[in-house]
């Protein structure tokens, strides 16, 4: 993991058909572009991951965890990356849906 980005975006909630609830931050703009370039290079080098995901070390406040970000395209065709934010991090950092989350990713 040699690259790093900082991004601030709102925490939002997705509820699945079976009632499962997941919390995400959508990474957009230049930060998303950097993730896309890195994922493309790794794919070309034969190091790509399932669903086009990219392994990252994420930090919000004093909480750091290992996860993956996933590419996402919305109905308007805009692209971004989804960062899942687990319950332990939300609790430790006092995050609630709709509030901005300041994060750093290393990949």
PDB file of N, CA and C in Angstrom:
ATOM      1  N   UNK A   1       0.850  -1.178   0.000  1.00  0.00           N
ATOM      2  CA  UNK A   1       0.000   0.000   0.000  1.00  0.00           C
ATOM      3  C   UNK A   1       0.889   1.233   0.000  1.00  0.00           C
ATOM      4  N   UNK A   2       0.891   1.929  -1.133  1.00  0.00           N
ATOM      5  CA  UNK A   2       1.804   3.043  -1.242  1.00  0.00           C
ATOM      6  C   UNK A   2       1.131   4.369  -1.582  1.00  0.00           C
ATOM      7  N   UNK A   3      -0.140   4.351  -1.957  1.00  0.00           N
ATOM      8  CA  UNK A   3      -0.830   5.583  -2.278  1.00  0.00           C
ATOM      9  C   UNK A   3      -1.781   5.934  -1.143  1.00  0.00           C
ATOM     10  N   UNK A   4      -2.122   7.231  -1.056  1.00  0.00           N
ATOM     11  CA  UNK A   4      -3.020   7.681   0.005  1.00  0.00           C
ATOM     12  C   UNK A   4      -3.901   8.800  -0.536  1.00  0.00           C
ATOM     13  N   UNK A   5      -5.163   8.796  -0.132  1.00  0.00           N
ATOM     14  CA  UNK A   5      -6.068   9.891  -0.457  1.00  0.00           C
ATOM     15  C   UNK A   5      -6.839  10.287   0.793  1.00  0.00           C
ATOM     16  N   UNK A   6      -7.269  11.532   0.823  1.00  0.00           N
ATOM     17  CA  UNK A   6      -8.153  12.027   1.872  1.00  0.00           C
ATOM     18  C   UNK A   6      -9.454  12.442   1.187  1.00  0.00           C
ATOM     19  N   UNK A   7     -10.571  12.212   1.860  1.00  0.00           N
ATOM     20  CA  UNK A   7     -11.871  12.531   1.274  1.00  0.00           C
ATOM     21  C   UNK A   7     -12.860  12.767   2.403  1.00  0.00           C
ATOM     22  N   UNK A   8     -13.802  13.675   2.184  1.00  0.00           N
ATOM     23  CA  UNK A   8     -14.892  13.894   3.126  1.00  0.00           C
ATOM     24  C   UNK A   8     -16.204  13.744   2.371  1.00  0.00           C
ATOM     25  N   UNK A   9     -17.066  12.888   2.886  1.00  0.00           N
ATOM     26  CA  UNK A   9     -18.375  12.675   2.261  1.00  0.00           C
ATOM     27  C   UNK A   9     -19.365  12.193   3.290  1.00  0.00           C
ATOM     28  N   UNK A  10     -20.659  12.317   2.973  1.00  0.00           N
ATOM     29  CA  UNK A  10     -21.686  11.911   3.940  1.00  0.00           C
ATOM     30  C   UNK A  10     -21.801  10.399   4.077  1.00  0.00           C
ATOM     31  N   UNK A  11     -22.049   9.969   5.289  1.00  0.00           N
ATOM     32  CA  UNK A  11     -22.345   8.564   5.567  1.00  0.00           C
ATOM     33  C   UNK A  11     -23.808   8.331   5.185  1.00  0.00           C
ATOM     34  N   UNK A  12     -24.075   7.255   4.453  1.00  0.00           N
ATOM     35  CA  UNK A  12     -25.457   6.962   4.063  1.00  0.00           C
ATOM     36  C   UNK A  12     -25.757   5.490   4.311  1.00  0.00           C
ATOM     37  N   UNK A  13     -27.054   5.173   4.304  1.00  0.00           N
ATOM     38  CA  UNK A  13     -27.521   3.838   4.670  1.00  0.00           C
ATOM     39  C   UNK A  13     -28.190   3.177   3.473  1.00  0.00           C
ATOM     40  N   UNK A  14     -27.877   1.905   3.278  1.00  0.00           N
ATOM     41  CA  UNK A  14     -28.556   1.068   2.282  1.00  0.00           C
ATOM     42  C   UNK A  14     -29.209  -0.083   3.027  1.00  0.00           C
ATOM     43  N   UNK A  15     -30.489  -0.325   2.740  1.00  0.00           N
ATOM     44  CA  UNK A  15     -31.217  -1.437   3.341  1.00  0.00           C
ATOM     45  C   UNK A  15     -31.544  -2.443   2.257  1.00  0.00           C
ATOM     46  N   UNK A  16     -31.107  -3.685   2.461  1.00  0.00           N
ATOM     47  CA  UNK A  16     -31.339  -4.742   1.494  1.00  0.00           C
ATOM     48  C   UNK A  16     -32.756  -5.268   1.536  1.00  0.00           C
ATOM     49  N   UNK A  17     -33.096  -6.060   0.534  1.00  0.00           N
ATOM     50  CA  UNK A  17     -34.443  -6.622   0.417  1.00  0.00           C
ATOM     51  C   UNK A  17     -34.814  -7.486   1.618  1.00  0.00           C
ATOM     52  N   UNK A  18     -33.833  -8.109   2.243  1.00  0.00           N
ATOM     53  CA  UNK A  18     -34.098  -8.973   3.398  1.00  0.00           C
ATOM     54  C   UNK A  18     -33.902  -8.242   4.728  1.00  0.00           C
ATOM     55  N   UNK A  19     -33.771  -6.906   4.672  1.00  0.00           N
ATOM     56  CA  UNK A  19     -33.691  -6.117   5.891  1.00  0.00           C
ATOM     57  C   UNK A  19     -32.289  -5.834   6.394  1.00  0.00           C
ATOM     58  N   UNK A  20     -31.261  -6.354   5.728  1.00  0.00           N
ATOM     59  CA  UNK A  20     -29.886  -6.056   6.140  1.00  0.00           C
ATOM     60  C   UNK A  20     -29.586  -4.578   5.924  1.00  0.00           C
ATOM     61  N   UNK A  21     -28.852  -3.978   6.837  1.00  0.00           N
ATOM     62  CA  UNK A  21     -28.534  -2.560   6.768  1.00  0.00           C
ATOM     63  C   UNK A  21     -27.020  -2.391   6.674  1.00  0.00           C
ATOM     64  N   UNK A  22     -26.578  -1.613   5.693  1.00  0.00           N
ATOM     65  CA  UNK A  22     -25.158  -1.331   5.492  1.00  0.00           C
ATOM     66  C   UNK A  22     -24.958   0.172   5.429  1.00  0.00           C
ATOM     67  N   UNK A  23     -23.820   0.639   5.931  1.00  0.00           N
ATOM     68  CA  UNK A  23     -23.481   2.059   5.918  1.00  0.00           C
ATOM     69  C   UNK A  23     -22.277   2.269   5.003  1.00  0.00           C
ATOM     70  N   UNK A  24     -22.347   3.314   4.166  1.00  0.00           N
ATOM     71  CA  UNK A  24     -21.296   3.595   3.196  1.00  0.00           C
ATOM     72  C   UNK A  24     -20.972   5.079   3.149  1.00  0.00           C
ATOM     73  N   UNK A  25     -19.788   5.370   2.625  1.00  0.00           N
ATOM     74  CA  UNK A  25     -19.427   6.693   2.137  1.00  0.00           C
ATOM     75  C   UNK A  25     -19.105   6.489   0.664  1.00  0.00           C
ATOM     76  N   UNK A  26     -19.683   7.330  -0.213  1.00  0.00           N
ATOM     77  CA  UNK A  26     -19.369   7.267  -1.635  1.00  0.00           C
ATOM     78  C   UNK A  26     -18.237   8.235  -1.919  1.00  0.00           C
ATOM     79  N   UNK A  27     -17.160   7.709  -2.461  1.00  0.00           N
ATOM     80  CA  UNK A  27     -15.984   8.510  -2.794  1.00  0.00           C
ATOM     81  C   UNK A  27     -16.120   8.937  -4.249  1.00  0.00           C
ATOM     82  N   UNK A  28     -16.050  10.243  -4.499  1.00  0.00           N
ATOM     83  CA  UNK A  28     -16.267  10.793  -5.832  1.00  0.00           C
ATOM     84  C   UNK A  28     -15.114  11.723  -6.218  1.00  0.00           C
ATOM     85  N   UNK A  29     -15.237  12.332  -7.370  1.00  0.00           N
ATOM     86  CA  UNK A  29     -14.297  13.355  -7.806  1.00  0.00           C
ATOM     87  C   UNK A  29     -12.897  12.824  -8.058  1.00  0.00           C
ATOM     88  N   UNK A  30     -11.906  13.660  -7.780  1.00  0.00           N
ATOM     89  CA  UNK A  30     -10.508  13.313  -8.035  1.00  0.00           C
ATOM     90  C   UNK A  30     -10.080  12.086  -7.233  1.00  0.00           C
ATOM     91  N   UNK A  31     -10.604  11.955  -6.015  1.00  0.00           N
ATOM     92  CA  UNK A  31     -10.253  10.791  -5.191  1.00  0.00           C
ATOM     93  C   UNK A  31     -10.729   9.507  -5.866  1.00  0.00           C
ATOM     94  N   UNK A  32     -11.951   9.536  -6.430  1.00  0.00           N
ATOM     95  CA  UNK A  32     -12.470   8.367  -7.149  1.00  0.00           C
ATOM     96  C   UNK A  32     -11.619   8.079  -8.381  1.00  0.00           C
ATOM     97  N   UNK A  33     -11.192   9.127  -9.057  1.00  0.00           N
ATOM     98  CA  UNK A  33     -10.336   8.954 -10.230  1.00  0.00           C
ATOM     99  C   UNK A  33      -9.031   8.267  -9.881  1.00  0.00           C
ATOM    100  N   UNK A  34      -8.446   8.619  -8.758  1.00  0.00           N
ATOM    101  CA  UNK A  34      -7.200   7.995  -8.326  1.00  0.00           C
ATOM    102  C   UNK A  34      -7.418   6.515  -8.009  1.00  0.00           C
ATOM    103  N   UNK A  35      -8.529   6.193  -7.364  1.00  0.00           N
ATOM    104  CA  UNK A  35      -8.838   4.789  -7.080  1.00  0.00           C
ATOM    105  C   UNK A  35      -9.041   4.009  -8.381  1.00  0.00           C
ATOM    106  N   UNK A  36      -9.749   4.601  -9.342  1.00  0.00           N
ATOM    107  CA  UNK A  36     -10.003   3.945 -10.620  1.00  0.00           C
ATOM    108  C   UNK A  36      -8.691   3.669 -11.354  1.00  0.00           C
ATOM    109  N   UNK A  37      -7.802   4.648 -11.394  1.00  0.00           N
ATOM    110  CA  UNK A  37      -6.507   4.462 -12.062  1.00  0.00           C
ATOM    111  C   UNK A  37      -5.707   3.341 -11.411  1.00  0.00           C
ATOM    112  N   UNK A  38      -5.694   3.308 -10.092  1.00  0.00           N
ATOM    113  CA  UNK A  38      -4.954   2.268  -9.384  1.00  0.00           C
ATOM    114  C   UNK A  38      -5.552   0.895  -9.662  1.00  0.00           C
ATOM    115  N   UNK A  39      -6.876   0.786  -9.608  1.00  0.00           N
ATOM    116  CA  UNK A  39      -7.537  -0.500  -9.875  1.00  0.00           C
ATOM    117  C   UNK A  39      -7.252  -0.966 -11.295  1.00  0.00           C
ATOM    118  N   UNK A  40      -7.277  -0.043 -12.257  1.00  0.00           N
ATOM    119  CA  UNK A  40      -7.001  -0.398 -13.649  1.00  0.00           C
ATOM    120  C   UNK A  40      -5.569  -0.899 -13.809  1.00  0.00           C
ATOM    121  N   UNK A  41      -4.629  -0.216 -13.205  1.00  0.00           N
ATOM    122  CA  UNK A  41      -3.224  -0.647 -13.304  1.00  0.00           C
ATOM    123  C   UNK A  41      -3.035  -2.030 -12.686  1.00  0.00           C
ATOM    124  N   UNK A  42      -3.652  -2.273 -11.551  1.00  0.00           N
ATOM    125  CA  UNK A  42      -3.517  -3.579 -10.904  1.00  0.00           C
ATOM    126  C   UNK A  42      -4.148  -4.676 -11.757  1.00  0.00           C
ATOM    127  N   UNK A  43      -5.270  -4.354 -12.409  1.00  0.00           N
ATOM    128  CA  UNK A  43      -5.914  -5.324 -13.295  1.00  0.00           C
ATOM    129  C   UNK A  43      -4.996  -5.658 -14.467  1.00  0.00           C
ATOM    130  N   UNK A  44      -4.371  -4.634 -15.043  1.00  0.00           N
ATOM    131  CA  UNK A  44      -3.454  -4.841 -16.163  1.00  0.00           C
ATOM    132  C   UNK A  44      -2.232  -5.658 -15.751  1.00  0.00           C
ATOM    133  N   UNK A  45      -1.840  -5.538 -14.493  1.00  0.00           N
ATOM    134  CA  UNK A  45      -0.696  -6.289 -13.967  1.00  0.00           C
ATOM    135  C   UNK A  45      -1.092  -7.680 -13.494  1.00  0.00           C
ATOM    136  N   UNK A  46      -2.375  -8.022 -13.651  1.00  0.00           N
ATOM    137  CA  UNK A  46      -2.854  -9.332 -13.212  1.00  0.00           C
ATOM    138  C   UNK A  46      -3.123  -9.415 -11.726  1.00  0.00           C
ATOM    139  N   UNK A  47      -3.243  -8.261 -11.080  1.00  0.00           N
ATOM    140  CA  UNK A  47      -3.457  -8.219  -9.626  1.00  0.00           C
ATOM    141  C   UNK A  47      -4.867  -7.757  -9.263  1.00  0.00           C
ATOM    142  N   UNK A  48      -5.785  -7.778 -10.234  1.00  0.00           N
ATOM    143  CA  UNK A  48      -7.154  -7.316  -9.999  1.00  0.00           C
ATOM    144  C   UNK A  48      -7.884  -8.196  -9.001  1.00  0.00           C
ATOM    145  N   UNK A  49      -8.957  -7.657  -8.419  1.00  0.00           N
ATOM    146  CA  UNK A  49      -9.762  -8.359  -7.427  1.00  0.00           C
ATOM    147  C   UNK A  49     -11.191  -8.475  -7.927  1.00  0.00           C
ATOM    148  N   UNK A  50     -11.959  -9.341  -7.276  1.00  0.00           N
ATOM    149  CA  UNK A  50     -13.352  -9.563  -7.638  1.00  0.00           C
ATOM    150  C   UNK A  50     -14.187  -8.297  -7.625  1.00  0.00           C
ATOM    151  N   UNK A  51     -15.128  -8.206  -8.547  1.00  0.00           N
ATOM    152  CA  UNK A  51     -16.046  -7.071  -8.686  1.00  0.00           C
ATOM    153  C   UNK A  51     -15.307  -5.764  -8.947  1.00  0.00           C
ATOM    154  N   UNK A  52     -14.021  -5.820  -9.299  1.00  0.00           N
ATOM    155  CA  UNK A  52     -13.252  -4.605  -9.528  1.00  0.00           C
ATOM    156  C   UNK A  52     -12.862  -3.897  -8.250  1.00  0.00           C
ATOM    157  N   UNK A  53     -12.995  -4.586  -7.113  1.00  0.00           N
ATOM    158  CA  UNK A  53     -12.714  -3.967  -5.812  1.00  0.00           C
ATOM    159  C   UNK A  53     -11.230  -3.686  -5.637  1.00  0.00           C
ATOM    160  N   UNK A  54     -10.929  -2.872  -4.657  1.00  0.00           N
ATOM    161  CA  UNK A  54      -9.562  -2.492  -4.346  1.00  0.00           C
ATOM    162  C   UNK A  54      -9.388  -2.579  -2.833  1.00  0.00           C
ATOM    163  N   UNK A  55      -8.383  -3.344  -2.384  1.00  0.00           N
ATOM    164  CA  UNK A  55      -8.092  -3.455  -0.949  1.00  0.00           C
ATOM    165  C   UNK A  55      -7.529  -2.140  -0.434  1.00  0.00           C
ATOM    166  N   UNK A  56      -8.017  -1.694   0.722  1.00  0.00           N
ATOM    167  CA  UNK A  56      -7.558  -0.443   1.317  1.00  0.00           C
ATOM    168  C   UNK A  56      -7.414  -0.586   2.826  1.00  0.00           C
ATOM    169  N   UNK A  57      -6.645   0.311   3.392  1.00  0.00           N
ATOM    170  CA  UNK A  57      -6.625   0.539   4.825  1.00  0.00           C
ATOM    171  C   UNK A  57      -7.336   1.875   5.009  1.00  0.00           C
ATOM    172  N   UNK A  58      -8.460   1.868   5.727  1.00  0.00           N
ATOM    173  CA  UNK A  58      -9.278   3.070   5.898  1.00  0.00           C
ATOM    174  C   UNK A  58      -9.125   3.617   7.311  1.00  0.00           C
ATOM    175  N   UNK A  59      -9.102   4.933   7.413  1.00  0.00           N
ATOM    176  CA  UNK A  59      -9.035   5.596   8.718  1.00  0.00           C
ATOM    177  C   UNK A  59     -10.082   6.689   8.779  1.00  0.00           C
ATOM    178  N   UNK A  60     -10.872   6.662   9.830  1.00  0.00           N
ATOM    179  CA  UNK A  60     -11.786   7.751  10.176  1.00  0.00           C
ATOM    180  C   UNK A  60     -11.498   8.070  11.634  1.00  0.00           C
ATOM    181  N   UNK A  61     -11.100   9.302  11.901  1.00  0.00           N
ATOM    182  CA  UNK A  61     -10.753   9.691  13.266  1.00  0.00           C
ATOM    183  C   UNK A  61      -9.630   8.819  13.790  1.00  0.00           C
ATOM    184  N   UNK A  62      -9.845   8.189  14.943  1.00  0.00           N
ATOM    185  CA  UNK A  62      -8.842   7.311  15.537  1.00  0.00           C
ATOM    186  C   UNK A  62      -9.022   5.852  15.181  1.00  0.00           C
ATOM    187  N   UNK A  63      -9.943   5.548  14.267  1.00  0.00           N
ATOM    188  CA  UNK A  63     -10.236   4.155  13.892  1.00  0.00           C
ATOM    189  C   UNK A  63      -9.642   3.816  12.531  1.00  0.00           C
ATOM    190  N   UNK A  64      -8.880   2.736  12.481  1.00  0.00           N
ATOM    191  CA  UNK A  64      -8.311   2.248  11.226  1.00  0.00           C
ATOM    192  C   UNK A  64      -8.703   0.797  11.067  1.00  0.00           C
ATOM    193  N   UNK A  65      -9.124   0.412   9.849  1.00  0.00           N
ATOM    194  CA  UNK A  65      -9.496  -0.968   9.584  1.00  0.00           C
ATOM    195  C   UNK A  65      -9.156  -1.326   8.139  1.00  0.00           C
ATOM    196  N   UNK A  66      -9.062  -2.627   7.894  1.00  0.00           N
ATOM    197  CA  UNK A  66      -8.785  -3.153   6.564  1.00  0.00           C
ATOM    198  C   UNK A  66     -10.108  -3.520   5.906  1.00  0.00           C
ATOM    199  N   UNK A  67     -10.295  -3.098   4.664  1.00  0.00           N
ATOM    200  CA  UNK A  67     -11.526  -3.388   3.942  1.00  0.00           C
ATOM    201  C   UNK A  67     -11.254  -3.294   2.456  1.00  0.00           C
ATOM    202  N   UNK A  68     -12.286  -3.260   1.675  1.00  0.00           N
ATOM    203  CA  UNK A  68     -12.183  -3.032   0.237  1.00  0.00           C
ATOM    204  C   UNK A  68     -13.178  -1.958  -0.139  1.00  0.00           C
ATOM    205  N   UNK A  69     -12.842  -1.188  -1.185  1.00  0.00           N
ATOM    206  CA  UNK A  69     -13.790  -0.259  -1.782  1.00  0.00           C
ATOM    207  C   UNK A  69     -14.255  -0.871  -3.090  1.00  0.00           C
ATOM    208  N   UNK A  70     -15.481  -0.519  -3.489  1.00  0.00           N
ATOM    209  CA  UNK A  70     -16.104  -1.135  -4.652  1.00  0.00           C
ATOM    210  C   UNK A  70     -16.543  -0.064  -5.638  1.00  0.00           C
ATOM    211  N   UNK A  71     -16.281  -0.280  -6.938  1.00  0.00           N
ATOM    212  CA  UNK A  71     -16.717   0.711  -7.924  1.00  0.00           C
ATOM    213  C   UNK A  71     -18.235   0.748  -7.998  1.00  0.00           C
ATOM    214  N   UNK A  72     -18.768   1.937  -8.279  1.00  0.00           N
ATOM    215  CA  UNK A  72     -20.209   2.134  -8.322  1.00  0.00           C
ATOM    216  C   UNK A  72     -20.521   3.139  -9.410  1.00  0.00           C
ATOM    217  N   UNK A  73     -21.592   2.888 -10.153  1.00  0.00           N
ATOM    218  CA  UNK A  73     -22.079   3.837 -11.151  1.00  0.00           C
ATOM    219  C   UNK A  73     -23.539   4.111 -10.847  1.00  0.00           C
ATOM    220  N   UNK A  74     -23.897   5.389 -10.715  1.00  0.00           N
ATOM    221  CA  UNK A  74     -25.292   5.709 -10.401  1.00  0.00           C
ATOM    222  C   UNK A  74     -26.130   5.803 -11.671  1.00  0.00           C
ATOM    223  N   UNK A  75     -27.413   6.060 -11.509  1.00  0.00           N
ATOM    224  CA  UNK A  75     -28.351   6.091 -12.637  1.00  0.00           C
ATOM    225  C   UNK A  75     -27.987   7.175 -13.658  1.00  0.00           C
ATOM    226  N   UNK A  76     -27.337   8.233 -13.211  1.00  0.00           N
ATOM    227  CA  UNK A  76     -26.950   9.322 -14.113  1.00  0.00           C
ATOM    228  C   UNK A  76     -25.635   9.022 -14.832  1.00  0.00           C
ATOM    229  N   UNK A  77     -25.003   7.882 -14.510  1.00  0.00           N
ATOM    230  CA  UNK A  77     -23.745   7.513 -15.148  1.00  0.00           C
ATOM    231  C   UNK A  77     -22.508   8.023 -14.438  1.00  0.00           C
ATOM    232  N   UNK A  78     -22.689   8.719 -13.308  1.00  0.00           N
ATOM    233  CA  UNK A  78     -21.535   9.179 -12.533  1.00  0.00           C
ATOM    234  C   UNK A  78     -20.896   7.991 -11.842  1.00  0.00           C
ATOM    235  N   UNK A  79     -19.589   8.014 -11.759  1.00  0.00           N
ATOM    236  CA  UNK A  79     -18.899   6.908 -11.105  1.00  0.00           C
ATOM    237  C   UNK A  79     -18.323   7.347  -9.771  1.00  0.00           C
ATOM    238  N   UNK A  80     -18.158   6.389  -8.907  1.00  0.00           N
ATOM    239  CA  UNK A  80     -17.573   6.622  -7.597  1.00  0.00           C
ATOM    240  C   UNK A  80     -17.159   5.285  -7.018  1.00  0.00           C
ATOM    241  N   UNK A  81     -16.752   5.297  -5.782  1.00  0.00           N
ATOM    242  CA  UNK A  81     -16.341   4.088  -5.069  1.00  0.00           C
ATOM    243  C   UNK A  81     -17.068   4.049  -3.742  1.00  0.00           C
ATOM    244  N   UNK A  82     -17.520   2.863  -3.353  1.00  0.00           N
ATOM    245  CA  UNK A  82     -18.231   2.685  -2.089  1.00  0.00           C
ATOM    246  C   UNK A  82     -17.291   2.157  -1.020  1.00  0.00           C
ATOM    247  N   UNK A  83     -17.234   2.870   0.099  1.00  0.00           N
ATOM    248  CA  UNK A  83     -16.472   2.434   1.267  1.00  0.00           C
ATOM    249  C   UNK A  83     -17.466   1.991   2.329  1.00  0.00           C
ATOM    250  N   UNK A  84     -17.504   0.679   2.662  1.00  0.00           N
ATOM    251  CA  UNK A  84     -18.372   0.241   3.754  1.00  0.00           C
ATOM    252  C   UNK A  84     -17.764   0.673   5.096  1.00  0.00           C
ATOM    253  N   UNK A  85     -18.612   1.191   5.979  1.00  0.00           N
ATOM    254  CA  UNK A  85     -18.157   1.656   7.300  1.00  0.00           C
ATOM    255  C   UNK A  85     -18.846   0.795   8.349  1.00  0.00           C
ATOM    256  N   UNK A  86     -18.041  -0.033   9.013  1.00  0.00           N
ATOM    257  CA  UNK A  86     -18.620  -1.004   9.950  1.00  0.00           C
ATOM    258  C   UNK A  86     -19.092  -0.351  11.250  1.00  0.00           C
ATOM    259  N   UNK A  87     -19.965  -1.078  11.934  1.00  0.00           N
ATOM    260  CA  UNK A  87     -20.614  -0.574  13.144  1.00  0.00           C
ATOM    261  C   UNK A  87     -19.620  -0.142  14.209  1.00  0.00           C
ATOM    262  N   UNK A  88     -18.560  -0.901  14.409  1.00  0.00           N
ATOM    263  CA  UNK A  88     -17.585  -0.565  15.452  1.00  0.00           C
ATOM    264  C   UNK A  88     -16.950   0.800  15.187  1.00  0.00           C
ATOM    265  N   UNK A  89     -16.695   1.114  13.926  1.00  0.00           N
ATOM    266  CA  UNK A  89     -16.111   2.411  13.570  1.00  0.00           C
ATOM    267  C   UNK A  89     -17.149   3.516  13.772  1.00  0.00           C
ATOM    268  N   UNK A  90     -18.371   3.290  13.321  1.00  0.00           N
ATOM    269  CA  UNK A  90     -19.423   4.301  13.489  1.00  0.00           C
ATOM    270  C   UNK A  90     -19.625   4.620  14.963  1.00  0.00           C
ATOM    271  N   UNK A  91     -19.632   3.598  15.795  1.00  0.00           N
ATOM    272  CA  UNK A  91     -19.822   3.789  17.234  1.00  0.00           C
ATOM    273  C   UNK A  91     -18.634   4.525  17.851  1.00  0.00           C
ATOM    274  N   UNK A  92     -17.422   4.076  17.543  1.00  0.00           N
ATOM    275  CA  UNK A  92     -16.216   4.680  18.122  1.00  0.00           C
ATOM    276  C   UNK A  92     -16.059   6.149  17.724  1.00  0.00           C
ATOM    277  N   UNK A  93     -16.495   6.483  16.510  1.00  0.00           N
ATOM    278  CA  UNK A  93     -16.307   7.841  16.004  1.00  0.00           C
ATOM    279  C   UNK A  93     -17.568   8.698  16.093  1.00  0.00           C
ATOM    280  N   UNK A  94     -18.650   8.132  16.643  1.00  0.00           N
ATOM    281  CA  UNK A  94     -19.887   8.881  16.812  1.00  0.00           C
ATOM    282  C   UNK A  94     -20.523   9.303  15.491  1.00  0.00           C
ATOM    283  N   UNK A  95     -20.438   8.449  14.474  1.00  0.00           N
ATOM    284  CA  UNK A  95     -20.971   8.773  13.150  1.00  0.00           C
ATOM    285  C   UNK A  95     -22.434   8.367  13.026  1.00  0.00           C
ATOM    286  N   UNK A  96     -23.226   9.224  12.408  1.00  0.00           N
ATOM    287  CA  UNK A  96     -24.608   8.883  12.092  1.00  0.00           C
ATOM    288  C   UNK A  96     -24.863   9.225  10.625  1.00  0.00           C
ATOM    289  N   UNK A  97     -25.839   8.546  10.052  1.00  0.00           N
ATOM    290  CA  UNK A  97     -26.172   8.743   8.641  1.00  0.00           C
ATOM    291  C   UNK A  97     -26.485  10.208   8.360  1.00  0.00           C
ATOM    292  N   UNK A  98     -26.005  10.675   7.211  1.00  0.00           N
ATOM    293  CA  UNK A  98     -26.226  12.051   6.796  1.00  0.00           C
ATOM    294  C   UNK A  98     -25.117  13.002   7.199  1.00  0.00           C
ATOM    295  N   UNK A  99     -24.304  12.614   8.163  1.00  0.00           N
ATOM    296  CA  UNK A  99     -23.200  13.466   8.604  1.00  0.00           C
ATOM    297  C   UNK A  99     -21.952  13.199   7.768  1.00  0.00           C
ATOM    298  N   UNK A 100     -21.108  14.232   7.580  1.00  0.00           N
ATOM    299  CA  UNK A 100     -19.876  14.012   6.823  1.00  0.00           C
ATOM    300  C   UNK A 100     -18.871  13.178   7.619  1.00  0.00           C
ATOM    301  N   UNK A 101     -18.176  12.316   6.894  1.00  0.00           N
ATOM    302  CA  UNK A 101     -17.104  11.513   7.484  1.00  0.00           C
ATOM    303  C   UNK A 101     -15.802  11.888   6.794  1.00  0.00           C
ATOM    304  N   UNK A 102     -14.819  12.300   7.586  1.00  0.00           N
ATOM    305  CA  UNK A 102     -13.496  12.615   7.040  1.00  0.00           C
ATOM    306  C   UNK A 102     -12.687  11.331   7.086  1.00  0.00           C
ATOM    307  N   UNK A 103     -12.204  10.899   5.913  1.00  0.00           N
ATOM    308  CA  UNK A 103     -11.499   9.618   5.889  1.00  0.00           C
ATOM    309  C   UNK A 103     -10.188   9.728   5.110  1.00  0.00           C
ATOM    310  N   UNK A 104      -9.321   8.784   5.395  1.00  0.00           N
ATOM    311  CA  UNK A 104      -8.088   8.588   4.642  1.00  0.00           C
ATOM    312  C   UNK A 104      -8.051   7.144   4.198  1.00  0.00           C
ATOM    313  N   UNK A 105      -7.637   6.934   2.965  1.00  0.00           N
ATOM    314  CA  UNK A 105      -7.467   5.584   2.438  1.00  0.00           C
ATOM    315  C   UNK A 105      -6.020   5.408   2.011  1.00  0.00           C
ATOM    316  N   UNK A 106      -5.459   4.242   2.338  1.00  0.00           N
ATOM    317  CA  UNK A 106      -4.129   3.849   1.866  1.00  0.00           C
ATOM    318  C   UNK A 106      -4.322   2.559   1.075  1.00  0.00           C
ATOM    319  N   UNK A 107      -3.676   2.518  -0.090  1.00  0.00           N
ATOM    320  CA  UNK A 107      -3.847   1.364  -0.975  1.00  0.00           C
ATOM    321  C   UNK A 107      -2.612   1.141  -1.815  1.00  0.00           C
TER     322      UNK A 107
END
